[in-house]
Protein backbone atom coordinates (compact mmCIF):
# COMPACT_ATOMS: atom_id res chain seq x y z
CA MET A 1 19.23 -0.26 -0.54
CA CYS A 2 17.60 0.18 -3.94
CA LYS A 3 13.81 0.38 -4.06
CA ARG A 4 12.13 -1.36 -6.98
CA LEU A 5 9.81 0.96 -8.85
CA ASP A 6 7.90 -1.79 -10.64
CA THR A 7 6.17 -3.17 -7.53
CA MET A 8 2.98 -2.25 -5.73
CA LYS A 9 3.20 -1.56 -2.01
CA LEU A 10 0.39 -3.17 -0.01
CA THR A 11 -0.01 -2.10 3.61
CA ILE A 12 -2.02 -4.03 6.19
CA THR A 13 -2.92 -2.38 9.49
CA SER A 14 -4.57 -4.29 12.33
CA MET A 15 -7.25 -2.76 14.51
CA ALA A 16 -4.57 -2.58 17.26
CA GLY A 17 -2.45 -0.38 14.97
CA ASN A 18 0.23 -2.90 13.99
CA THR A 19 1.38 -2.32 10.41
CA SER A 20 2.93 -4.65 7.87
CA SER A 21 3.91 -3.83 4.29
CA MET A 22 4.87 -5.88 1.28
CA ASN A 23 5.69 -5.22 -2.35
CA LEU A 24 3.93 -7.30 -4.98
CA PRO A 25 4.78 -7.23 -8.69
CA THR A 26 1.30 -7.07 -10.28
CA LYS A 27 -2.22 -5.96 -9.46
CA GLU A 28 -3.35 -9.56 -9.94
CA ASP A 29 -0.94 -10.59 -7.17
CA VAL A 30 -2.33 -7.86 -4.91
CA TYR A 31 -5.92 -9.00 -5.46
CA TYR A 32 -4.94 -12.67 -5.07
CA PHE A 33 -3.19 -11.92 -1.78
CA ILE A 34 -6.19 -9.94 -0.49
CA ASP A 35 -8.58 -12.78 -1.36
CA LEU A 36 -6.29 -15.36 0.26
CA TYR A 37 -5.69 -13.22 3.35
CA LYS A 38 -9.43 -12.62 3.78
CA SER A 39 -10.02 -16.38 3.90
CA THR A 40 -7.52 -16.74 6.77
CA LEU A 41 -9.11 -14.06 8.97
CA LYS A 42 -11.96 -15.10 11.21
CA LYS A 43 -15.37 -13.48 10.65
CA ASN A 44 -14.90 -11.29 13.72
CA GLN A 45 -11.52 -9.94 12.52
CA ARG A 46 -10.82 -7.03 10.21
CA VAL A 47 -7.77 -5.19 8.96
CA LYS A 48 -7.22 -2.02 6.99
CA ILE A 49 -5.75 -2.55 3.52
CA THR A 50 -4.12 0.19 1.47
CA CYS A 51 -2.40 0.19 -1.90
CA ASP A 52 -2.01 3.75 -3.17
CA ILE A 53 -1.06 2.86 -6.73
CA LEU A 54 -4.32 0.87 -7.14
CA GLY A 55 -6.45 3.29 -5.13
CA LEU A 56 -7.26 0.70 -2.46
CA ASP A 57 -8.07 2.08 0.98
CA GLY A 58 -10.56 0.16 3.05
CA TYR A 59 -11.27 -2.59 5.52
CA LEU A 60 -11.08 -6.30 4.93
CA GLN A 61 -13.49 -8.50 6.92
CA GLY A 62 -12.53 -12.12 7.50
CA THR A 63 -14.55 -15.02 6.11
CA ALA A 64 -13.12 -17.99 8.04
CA PRO A 65 -15.44 -19.58 10.62
CA ILE A 66 -15.00 -18.63 14.27
CA ARG A 67 -13.97 -21.63 16.37
């Protein structure tokens, strides 16, 4: 399997330790995904987001209302 070098690896880790990764082609796509993902998480949910190439390493708090 050939790894593309022109993508940015974004890793999402839940508070339970489950990890998911994806490769996005541009930094704009990374920021768009983060903004979209944040709107789907409830206010009481957070995940760890990392993207080494962009220097991102922090927690994302949800903004969707708790129902």
